[in-house]
C-alpha cells in the first residue's frame, strides 16, 4: 500500500472508529493535530484508536510520550504503521 493509501485508510479508520459523523477523508489534513485541534479528540478516543490500530495493523501503540507522538497526526500514524505493521491482505 502506498503512503497516500495508508493515510486515506487511517482517515477512514478514524472516522469509523470514533464515529466522526459528518466528516470525510477530505476534511482531515494529513498533518493536522488529532488532539487539541478542531477534531476535538480526547483520551478515550486515543484508547479506541489504539485498539483499532492494533486490530487492523497488528501494531501496539506505547503509552506516554512515544504514544502521544504517534498520535500527533494522520501522517505520524501512517509512518508508525508503515514501520511495523502487518498490513491486511
PDB file of N, CA and C in Angstrom:
ATOM      1  N   UNK A   1       0.850  -1.183   0.000  1.00  0.00           N
ATOM      2  CA  UNK A   1       0.000   0.000   0.000  1.00  0.00           C
ATOM      3  C   UNK A   1       0.887   1.235   0.000  1.00  0.00           C
ATOM      4  N   UNK A   2       0.515   2.224  -0.773  1.00  0.00           N
ATOM      5  CA  UNK A   2       1.283   3.455  -0.848  1.00  0.00           C
ATOM      6  C   UNK A   2       1.063   4.282   0.420  1.00  0.00           C
ATOM      7  N   UNK A   3       1.974   5.242   0.612  1.00  0.00           N
ATOM      8  CA  UNK A   3       1.850   6.115   1.772  1.00  0.00           C
ATOM      9  C   UNK A   3       0.526   6.871   1.747  1.00  0.00           C
ATOM     10  N   UNK A   4       0.148   7.375   0.577  1.00  0.00           N
ATOM     11  CA  UNK A   4      -1.130   8.101   0.490  1.00  0.00           C
ATOM     12  C   UNK A   4      -2.300   7.149   0.707  1.00  0.00           C
ATOM     13  N   UNK A   5      -2.162   5.908   0.263  1.00  0.00           N
ATOM     14  CA  UNK A   5      -3.204   4.915   0.512  1.00  0.00           C
ATOM     15  C   UNK A   5      -3.334   4.596   1.984  1.00  0.00           C
ATOM     16  N   UNK A   6      -2.194   4.502   2.669  1.00  0.00           N
ATOM     17  CA  UNK A   6      -2.206   4.247   4.111  1.00  0.00           C
ATOM     18  C   UNK A   6      -2.861   5.411   4.841  1.00  0.00           C
ATOM     19  N   UNK A   7      -2.520   6.614   4.451  1.00  0.00           N
ATOM     20  CA  UNK A   7      -3.108   7.799   5.096  1.00  0.00           C
ATOM     21  C   UNK A   7      -4.620   7.837   4.890  1.00  0.00           C
ATOM     22  N   UNK A   8      -5.070   7.540   3.689  1.00  0.00           N
ATOM     23  CA  UNK A   8      -6.514   7.527   3.413  1.00  0.00           C
ATOM     24  C   UNK A   8      -7.200   6.446   4.243  1.00  0.00           C
ATOM     25  N   UNK A   9      -6.580   5.292   4.349  1.00  0.00           N
ATOM     26  CA  UNK A   9      -7.163   4.212   5.137  1.00  0.00           C
ATOM     27  C   UNK A   9      -7.226   4.577   6.622  1.00  0.00           C
ATOM     28  N   UNK A  10      -6.204   5.245   7.120  1.00  0.00           N
ATOM     29  CA  UNK A  10      -6.196   5.676   8.526  1.00  0.00           C
ATOM     30  C   UNK A  10      -7.283   6.723   8.757  1.00  0.00           C
ATOM     31  N   UNK A  11      -7.492   7.606   7.805  1.00  0.00           N
ATOM     32  CA  UNK A  11      -8.570   8.586   7.936  1.00  0.00           C
ATOM     33  C   UNK A  11      -9.920   7.886   8.012  1.00  0.00           C
ATOM     34  N   UNK A  12     -10.130   6.881   7.157  1.00  0.00           N
ATOM     35  CA  UNK A  12     -11.387   6.120   7.209  1.00  0.00           C
ATOM     36  C   UNK A  12     -11.522   5.411   8.557  1.00  0.00           C
ATOM     37  N   UNK A  13     -10.424   4.860   9.053  1.00  0.00           N
ATOM     38  CA  UNK A  13     -10.444   4.190  10.354  1.00  0.00           C
ATOM     39  C   UNK A  13     -10.808   5.170  11.468  1.00  0.00           C
ATOM     40  N   UNK A  14     -10.249   6.358  11.418  1.00  0.00           N
ATOM     41  CA  UNK A  14     -10.591   7.406  12.392  1.00  0.00           C
ATOM     42  C   UNK A  14     -12.080   7.720  12.359  1.00  0.00           C
ATOM     43  N   UNK A  15     -12.594   7.956  11.164  1.00  0.00           N
ATOM     44  CA  UNK A  15     -13.996   8.335  11.006  1.00  0.00           C
ATOM     45  C   UNK A  15     -14.920   7.230  11.504  1.00  0.00           C
ATOM     46  N   UNK A  16     -14.618   5.995  11.139  1.00  0.00           N
ATOM     47  CA  UNK A  16     -15.464   4.867  11.533  1.00  0.00           C
ATOM     48  C   UNK A  16     -15.342   4.545  13.022  1.00  0.00           C
ATOM     49  N   UNK A  17     -14.113   4.457  13.509  1.00  0.00           N
ATOM     50  CA  UNK A  17     -13.875   4.053  14.894  1.00  0.00           C
ATOM     51  C   UNK A  17     -14.383   5.086  15.879  1.00  0.00           C
ATOM     52  N   UNK A  18     -14.166   6.351  15.565  1.00  0.00           N
ATOM     53  CA  UNK A  18     -14.513   7.424  16.507  1.00  0.00           C
ATOM     54  C   UNK A  18     -15.848   8.072  16.173  1.00  0.00           C
ATOM     55  N   UNK A  19     -16.563   7.491  15.215  1.00  0.00           N
ATOM     56  CA  UNK A  19     -17.892   7.963  14.841  1.00  0.00           C
ATOM     57  C   UNK A  19     -17.902   9.474  14.584  1.00  0.00           C
ATOM     58  N   UNK A  20     -17.003   9.900  13.707  1.00  0.00           N
ATOM     59  CA  UNK A  20     -16.895  11.322  13.375  1.00  0.00           C
ATOM     60  C   UNK A  20     -17.916  11.660  12.290  1.00  0.00           C
ATOM     61  N   UNK A  21     -19.145  11.696  12.692  1.00  0.00           N
ATOM     62  CA  UNK A  21     -20.254  11.948  11.765  1.00  0.00           C
ATOM     63  C   UNK A  21     -20.082  13.282  11.064  1.00  0.00           C
ATOM     64  N   UNK A  22     -20.414  13.256   9.811  1.00  0.00           N
ATOM     65  CA  UNK A  22     -20.334  14.480   9.025  1.00  0.00           C
ATOM     66  C   UNK A  22     -18.930  14.794   8.539  1.00  0.00           C
ATOM     67  N   UNK A  23     -17.959  13.950   8.854  1.00  0.00           N
ATOM     68  CA  UNK A  23     -16.585  14.177   8.403  1.00  0.00           C
ATOM     69  C   UNK A  23     -16.276  13.222   7.264  1.00  0.00           C
ATOM     70  N   UNK A  24     -15.411  13.674   6.380  1.00  0.00           N
ATOM     71  CA  UNK A  24     -14.927  12.818   5.303  1.00  0.00           C
ATOM     72  C   UNK A  24     -13.409  12.830   5.343  1.00  0.00           C
ATOM     73  N   UNK A  25     -12.808  11.967   4.546  1.00  0.00           N
ATOM     74  CA  UNK A  25     -11.345  11.930   4.470  1.00  0.00           C
ATOM     75  C   UNK A  25     -10.791  13.302   4.090  1.00  0.00           C
ATOM     76  N   UNK A  26     -11.464  13.990   3.198  1.00  0.00           N
ATOM     77  CA  UNK A  26     -11.004  15.294   2.737  1.00  0.00           C
ATOM     78  C   UNK A  26     -11.026  16.345   3.844  1.00  0.00           C
ATOM     79  N   UNK A  27     -11.822  16.122   4.883  1.00  0.00           N
ATOM     80  CA  UNK A  27     -11.919  17.072   5.994  1.00  0.00           C
ATOM     81  C   UNK A  27     -10.737  16.987   6.958  1.00  0.00           C
ATOM     82  N   UNK A  28      -9.942  15.927   6.841  1.00  0.00           N
ATOM     83  CA  UNK A  28      -8.844  15.704   7.781  1.00  0.00           C
ATOM     84  C   UNK A  28      -7.531  15.842   7.029  1.00  0.00           C
ATOM     85  N   UNK A  29      -6.772  16.885   7.370  1.00  0.00           N
ATOM     86  CA  UNK A  29      -5.476  17.121   6.755  1.00  0.00           C
ATOM     87  C   UNK A  29      -4.467  16.120   7.319  1.00  0.00           C
ATOM     88  N   UNK A  30      -3.556  15.651   6.495  1.00  0.00           N
ATOM     89  CA  UNK A  30      -2.569  14.660   6.924  1.00  0.00           C
ATOM     90  C   UNK A  30      -1.738  15.123   8.115  1.00  0.00           C
ATOM     91  N   UNK A  31      -1.443  16.417   8.190  1.00  0.00           N
ATOM     92  CA  UNK A  31      -0.582  16.947   9.244  1.00  0.00           C
ATOM     93  C   UNK A  31      -1.342  17.678  10.347  1.00  0.00           C
ATOM     94  N   UNK A  32      -2.647  17.648  10.292  1.00  0.00           N
ATOM     95  CA  UNK A  32      -3.484  18.307  11.302  1.00  0.00           C
ATOM     96  C   UNK A  32      -3.337  17.601  12.654  1.00  0.00           C
ATOM     97  N   UNK A  33      -3.188  18.364  13.740  1.00  0.00           N
ATOM     98  CA  UNK A  33      -3.146  17.731  15.067  1.00  0.00           C
ATOM     99  C   UNK A  33      -4.466  17.006  15.340  1.00  0.00           C
ATOM    100  N   UNK A  34      -4.362  15.749  15.762  1.00  0.00           N
ATOM    101  CA  UNK A  34      -5.581  14.982  16.044  1.00  0.00           C
ATOM    102  C   UNK A  34      -6.173  15.347  17.396  1.00  0.00           C
ATOM    103  N   UNK A  35      -5.330  15.731  18.338  1.00  0.00           N
ATOM    104  CA  UNK A  35      -5.790  16.061  19.690  1.00  0.00           C
ATOM    105  C   UNK A  35      -5.490  17.525  19.966  1.00  0.00           C
ATOM    106  N   UNK A  36      -6.449  18.188  20.592  1.00  0.00           N
ATOM    107  CA  UNK A  36      -6.285  19.599  20.900  1.00  0.00           C
ATOM    108  C   UNK A  36      -6.547  20.495  19.694  1.00  0.00           C
ATOM    109  N   UNK A  37      -7.017  19.918  18.612  1.00  0.00           N
ATOM    110  CA  UNK A  37      -7.316  20.686  17.406  1.00  0.00           C
ATOM    111  C   UNK A  37      -8.798  20.700  17.125  1.00  0.00           C
ATOM    112  N   UNK A  38      -9.137  20.945  15.901  1.00  0.00           N
ATOM    113  CA  UNK A  38     -10.553  21.085  15.549  1.00  0.00           C
ATOM    114  C   UNK A  38     -11.332  19.777  15.552  1.00  0.00           C
ATOM    115  N   UNK A  39     -10.629  18.631  15.531  1.00  0.00           N
ATOM    116  CA  UNK A  39     -11.341  17.354  15.597  1.00  0.00           C
ATOM    117  C   UNK A  39     -11.887  17.084  16.997  1.00  0.00           C
ATOM    118  N   UNK A  40     -11.271  17.685  17.999  1.00  0.00           N
ATOM    119  CA  UNK A  40     -11.776  17.563  19.367  1.00  0.00           C
ATOM    120  C   UNK A  40     -11.628  16.176  19.979  1.00  0.00           C
ATOM    121  N   UNK A  41     -10.604  15.436  19.588  1.00  0.00           N
ATOM    122  CA  UNK A  41     -10.413  14.099  20.142  1.00  0.00           C
ATOM    123  C   UNK A  41      -9.878  14.188  21.564  1.00  0.00           C
ATOM    124  N   UNK A  42     -10.218  13.174  22.378  1.00  0.00           N
ATOM    125  CA  UNK A  42      -9.787  13.157  23.776  1.00  0.00           C
ATOM    126  C   UNK A  42      -9.114  11.826  24.110  1.00  0.00           C
ATOM    127  N   UNK A  43      -8.800  11.622  25.380  1.00  0.00           N
ATOM    128  CA  UNK A  43      -8.059  10.427  25.795  1.00  0.00           C
ATOM    129  C   UNK A  43      -8.834   9.134  25.548  1.00  0.00           C
ATOM    130  N   UNK A  44     -10.140   9.160  25.662  1.00  0.00           N
ATOM    131  CA  UNK A  44     -10.940   7.970  25.357  1.00  0.00           C
ATOM    132  C   UNK A  44     -10.847   7.643  23.863  1.00  0.00           C
ATOM    133  N   UNK A  45     -10.852   8.678  23.041  1.00  0.00           N
ATOM    134  CA  UNK A  45     -10.675   8.480  21.602  1.00  0.00           C
ATOM    135  C   UNK A  45      -9.308   7.854  21.308  1.00  0.00           C
ATOM    136  N   UNK A  46      -8.280   8.291  22.034  1.00  0.00           N
ATOM    137  CA  UNK A  46      -6.938   7.736  21.845  1.00  0.00           C
ATOM    138  C   UNK A  46      -6.928   6.241  22.152  1.00  0.00           C
ATOM    139  N   UNK A  47      -7.601   5.848  23.215  1.00  0.00           N
ATOM    140  CA  UNK A  47      -7.672   4.435  23.575  1.00  0.00           C
ATOM    141  C   UNK A  47      -8.400   3.641  22.489  1.00  0.00           C
ATOM    142  N   UNK A  48      -9.522   4.137  22.033  1.00  0.00           N
ATOM    143  CA  UNK A  48     -10.276   3.460  20.973  1.00  0.00           C
ATOM    144  C   UNK A  48      -9.453   3.355  19.692  1.00  0.00           C
ATOM    145  N   UNK A  49      -8.740   4.404  19.368  1.00  0.00           N
ATOM    146  CA  UNK A  49      -7.913   4.410  18.169  1.00  0.00           C
ATOM    147  C   UNK A  49      -6.750   3.424  18.306  1.00  0.00           C
ATOM    148  N   UNK A  50      -6.143   3.362  19.483  1.00  0.00           N
ATOM    149  CA  UNK A  50      -5.045   2.415  19.716  1.00  0.00           C
ATOM    150  C   UNK A  50      -5.521   0.976  19.525  1.00  0.00           C
ATOM    151  N   UNK A  51      -6.690   0.653  20.046  1.00  0.00           N
ATOM    152  CA  UNK A  51      -7.255  -0.693  19.896  1.00  0.00           C
ATOM    153  C   UNK A  51      -7.531  -0.981  18.419  1.00  0.00           C
ATOM    154  N   UNK A  52      -8.084  -0.009  17.703  1.00  0.00           N
ATOM    155  CA  UNK A  52      -8.385  -0.193  16.278  1.00  0.00           C
ATOM    156  C   UNK A  52      -7.111  -0.396  15.464  1.00  0.00           C
ATOM    157  N   UNK A  53      -6.056   0.351  15.766  1.00  0.00           N
ATOM    158  CA  UNK A  53      -4.791   0.197  15.049  1.00  0.00           C
ATOM    159  C   UNK A  53      -4.162  -1.165  15.321  1.00  0.00           C
ATOM    160  N   UNK A  54      -4.247  -1.607  16.562  1.00  0.00           N
ATOM    161  CA  UNK A  54      -3.700  -2.922  16.890  1.00  0.00           C
ATOM    162  C   UNK A  54      -4.473  -4.021  16.160  1.00  0.00           C
ATOM    163  N   UNK A  55      -5.780  -3.895  16.147  1.00  0.00           N
ATOM    164  CA  UNK A  55      -6.617  -4.888  15.476  1.00  0.00           C
ATOM    165  C   UNK A  55      -6.383  -4.899  13.964  1.00  0.00           C
ATOM    166  N   UNK A  56      -6.332  -3.728  13.374  1.00  0.00           N
ATOM    167  CA  UNK A  56      -6.231  -3.608  11.917  1.00  0.00           C
ATOM    168  C   UNK A  56      -4.834  -3.903  11.381  1.00  0.00           C
ATOM    169  N   UNK A  57      -3.811  -3.358  12.061  1.00  0.00           N
ATOM    170  CA  UNK A  57      -2.448  -3.420  11.537  1.00  0.00           C
ATOM    171  C   UNK A  57      -1.489  -4.279  12.356  1.00  0.00           C
ATOM    172  N   UNK A  58      -1.911  -4.744  13.516  1.00  0.00           N
ATOM    173  CA  UNK A  58      -1.030  -5.557  14.343  1.00  0.00           C
ATOM    174  C   UNK A  58       0.068  -4.774  15.025  1.00  0.00           C
ATOM    175  N   UNK A  59      -0.145  -3.482  15.253  1.00  0.00           N
ATOM    176  CA  UNK A  59       0.850  -2.659  15.944  1.00  0.00           C
ATOM    177  C   UNK A  59       0.304  -2.246  17.300  1.00  0.00           C
ATOM    178  N   UNK A  60       1.171  -2.273  18.287  1.00  0.00           N
ATOM    179  CA  UNK A  60       0.796  -1.808  19.624  1.00  0.00           C
ATOM    180  C   UNK A  60       1.315  -0.388  19.796  1.00  0.00           C
ATOM    181  N   UNK A  61       0.458   0.485  20.250  1.00  0.00           N
ATOM    182  CA  UNK A  61       0.849   1.873  20.483  1.00  0.00           C
ATOM    183  C   UNK A  61       1.301   1.991  21.933  1.00  0.00           C
ATOM    184  N   UNK A  62       2.545   2.423  22.155  1.00  0.00           N
ATOM    185  CA  UNK A  62       3.057   2.534  23.513  1.00  0.00           C
ATOM    186  C   UNK A  62       2.390   3.667  24.288  1.00  0.00           C
ATOM    187  N   UNK A  63       2.472   3.581  25.595  1.00  0.00           N
ATOM    188  CA  UNK A  63       1.952   4.635  26.462  1.00  0.00           C
ATOM    189  C   UNK A  63       2.933   5.808  26.506  1.00  0.00           C
ATOM    190  N   UNK A  64       2.485   6.884  27.094  1.00  0.00           N
ATOM    191  CA  UNK A  64       3.358   8.016  27.368  1.00  0.00           C
ATOM    192  C   UNK A  64       3.665   8.880  26.166  1.00  0.00           C
ATOM    193  N   UNK A  65       4.836   9.538  26.242  1.00  0.00           N
ATOM    194  CA  UNK A  65       5.225  10.498  25.216  1.00  0.00           C
ATOM    195  C   UNK A  65       5.362   9.868  23.833  1.00  0.00           C
ATOM    196  N   UNK A  66       5.858   8.634  23.779  1.00  0.00           N
ATOM    197  CA  UNK A  66       6.018   7.979  22.484  1.00  0.00           C
ATOM    198  C   UNK A  66       4.657   7.793  21.811  1.00  0.00           C
ATOM    199  N   UNK A  67       3.665   7.347  22.568  1.00  0.00           N
ATOM    200  CA  UNK A  67       2.323   7.178  22.025  1.00  0.00           C
ATOM    201  C   UNK A  67       1.714   8.498  21.598  1.00  0.00           C
ATOM    202  N   UNK A  68       1.930   9.536  22.388  1.00  0.00           N
ATOM    203  CA  UNK A  68       1.409  10.861  22.018  1.00  0.00           C
ATOM    204  C   UNK A  68       2.032  11.332  20.707  1.00  0.00           C
ATOM    205  N   UNK A  69       3.310  11.051  20.516  1.00  0.00           N
ATOM    206  CA  UNK A  69       3.981  11.423  19.275  1.00  0.00           C
ATOM    207  C   UNK A  69       3.404  10.702  18.069  1.00  0.00           C
ATOM    208  N   UNK A  70       3.080   9.433  18.252  1.00  0.00           N
ATOM    209  CA  UNK A  70       2.492   8.646  17.170  1.00  0.00           C
ATOM    210  C   UNK A  70       1.130   9.205  16.789  1.00  0.00           C
ATOM    211  N   UNK A  71       0.362   9.628  17.771  1.00  0.00           N
ATOM    212  CA  UNK A  71      -0.983  10.150  17.543  1.00  0.00           C
ATOM    213  C   UNK A  71      -1.011  11.634  17.214  1.00  0.00           C
ATOM    214  N   UNK A  72       0.119  12.215  16.892  1.00  0.00           N
ATOM    215  CA  UNK A  72       0.163  13.649  16.596  1.00  0.00           C
ATOM    216  C   UNK A  72      -0.680  14.006  15.378  1.00  0.00           C
ATOM    217  N   UNK A  73      -0.670  13.140  14.368  1.00  0.00           N
ATOM    218  CA  UNK A  73      -1.386  13.427  13.122  1.00  0.00           C
ATOM    219  C   UNK A  73      -1.598  12.129  12.351  1.00  0.00           C
ATOM    220  N   UNK A  74      -2.370  12.217  11.290  1.00  0.00           N
ATOM    221  CA  UNK A  74      -2.554  11.065  10.402  1.00  0.00           C
ATOM    222  C   UNK A  74      -1.207  10.658   9.815  1.00  0.00           C
ATOM    223  N   UNK A  75      -0.392  11.643   9.435  1.00  0.00           N
ATOM    224  CA  UNK A  75       0.913  11.354   8.843  1.00  0.00           C
ATOM    225  C   UNK A  75       1.806  10.588   9.815  1.00  0.00           C
ATOM    226  N   UNK A  76       1.802  10.964  11.092  1.00  0.00           N
ATOM    227  CA  UNK A  76       2.655  10.267  12.060  1.00  0.00           C
ATOM    228  C   UNK A  76       2.144   8.848  12.327  1.00  0.00           C
ATOM    229  N   UNK A  77       0.841   8.656  12.322  1.00  0.00           N
ATOM    230  CA  UNK A  77       0.293   7.300  12.471  1.00  0.00           C
ATOM    231  C   UNK A  77       0.688   6.461  11.262  1.00  0.00           C
ATOM    232  N   UNK A  78       0.596   7.024  10.061  1.00  0.00           N
ATOM    233  CA  UNK A  78       0.950   6.292   8.841  1.00  0.00           C
ATOM    234  C   UNK A  78       2.415   5.879   8.862  1.00  0.00           C
ATOM    235  N   UNK A  79       3.291   6.757   9.334  1.00  0.00           N
ATOM    236  CA  UNK A  79       4.717   6.401   9.428  1.00  0.00           C
ATOM    237  C   UNK A  79       4.921   5.255  10.405  1.00  0.00           C
ATOM    238  N   UNK A  80       4.235   5.303  11.537  1.00  0.00           N
ATOM    239  CA  UNK A  80       4.353   4.248  12.552  1.00  0.00           C
ATOM    240  C   UNK A  80       3.833   2.925  12.004  1.00  0.00           C
ATOM    241  N   UNK A  81       2.704   2.955  11.352  1.00  0.00           N
ATOM    242  CA  UNK A  81       2.123   1.741  10.773  1.00  0.00           C
ATOM    243  C   UNK A  81       3.067   1.169   9.714  1.00  0.00           C
ATOM    244  N   UNK A  82       3.594   2.016   8.845  1.00  0.00           N
ATOM    245  CA  UNK A  82       4.490   1.553   7.789  1.00  0.00           C
ATOM    246  C   UNK A  82       5.766   0.942   8.354  1.00  0.00           C
ATOM    247  N   UNK A  83       6.207   1.423   9.507  1.00  0.00           N
ATOM    248  CA  UNK A  83       7.438   0.928  10.110  1.00  0.00           C
ATOM    249  C   UNK A  83       7.283  -0.444  10.753  1.00  0.00           C
ATOM    250  N   UNK A  84       6.064  -0.787  11.177  1.00  0.00           N
ATOM    251  CA  UNK A  84       5.963  -2.041  11.899  1.00  0.00           C
ATOM    252  C   UNK A  84       4.675  -2.812  11.768  1.00  0.00           C
ATOM    253  N   UNK A  85       3.884  -2.450  10.807  1.00  0.00           N
ATOM    254  CA  UNK A  85       2.565  -3.073  10.725  1.00  0.00           C
ATOM    255  C   UNK A  85       2.572  -4.318   9.867  1.00  0.00           C
ATOM    256  N   UNK A  86       1.640  -5.207  10.207  1.00  0.00           N
ATOM    257  CA  UNK A  86       1.298  -6.308   9.336  1.00  0.00           C
ATOM    258  C   UNK A  86       0.075  -5.844   8.557  1.00  0.00           C
ATOM    259  N   UNK A  87       0.273  -5.445   7.321  1.00  0.00           N
ATOM    260  CA  UNK A  87      -0.827  -4.894   6.548  1.00  0.00           C
ATOM    261  C   UNK A  87      -1.833  -5.968   6.191  1.00  0.00           C
ATOM    262  N   UNK A  88      -3.112  -5.602   6.175  1.00  0.00           N
ATOM    263  CA  UNK A  88      -4.153  -6.581   5.824  1.00  0.00           C
ATOM    264  C   UNK A  88      -3.971  -7.067   4.396  1.00  0.00           C
ATOM    265  N   UNK A  89      -4.321  -8.298   4.162  1.00  0.00           N
ATOM    266  CA  UNK A  89      -4.170  -8.883   2.830  1.00  0.00           C
ATOM    267  C   UNK A  89      -5.415  -8.698   2.003  1.00  0.00           C
TER     268      UNK A  89
END
